[in-house]
Every structure is written in structure tokens, then in C-alpha cells.
Amino acid sequence: MEVKKTVRSVLLTEDFIKNEKNIKKEAFDNFLRFSGREVYPLYNKNDVEIDVVVSQPISIHYFVGGYAWMTYRYRGIDKKTNEILFGANAPIRIKVDLVKGRWKIIKKWEKP
């Protein structure tokens, strides 16, 4: 659950890196984030609500490290009409290491 929570936080929060316990900076920089950024040219954060859903990860670990596979879905929804303006499903693979008793995201791969 910790990895899923971290992925959702990274997607939605630009300043999440202030708490580096759960993710390496290089991995953080490899995520597309929606908070405060224009993801698409027509995206205006005042007019569009971002909905992000992260699936339950499937994981394999070897006590001090491992991998997790999950999918995140994001949608841009017009606040006035509730119309979906853009979105996608993105499967990702994440490399994690056990650091001081916590799973830390080290690297992320995403299919284009």
C-alpha cells in the first residue's frame, strides 16, 4: 500500500519531493504530474479537475528490493459540463528498495 500511496502523491503534488523518504529524486523527476502544470496545451487548472486512480500493485520482492507493476488512469474533467476532455491509462513498472524499513521508489518505467 505504501508504494501505491506514494505514486498517487507524486502524480498529484509538485512539492512532494520535500519528503524524500519514499522516492529517489531521479524517479520523482520521471513522473508526469498534474498539480500546477499544463499537461495538455488546452488544459487550464481553473477549468479542469484532474481525476487520478492508481490500481493495486502486483509486486515481487526479494527482502531488500523488488518490483511493482500497476496502472494509473488520469482524466481531465471540465468543471462546468463534467465532460472528459482528455485522459489515458498508463501501465508502469516501479523498482523499489527497502531503506530503513520503508519501501523507496528507485526507478519508474512507463509504456508510451
Foldseek 3Di string as FASTA:
>chain_A
DLLQVVLVCLQEDDPPVVPQPAEDPVASVVHHHDHPDDPDPPDDPVFWDKDKDKDDWDWDDDVFKTKTKIKMKIFTAGPPPRDTPDIDIKIKMFIWGQDPNYTHTYHMDIDD
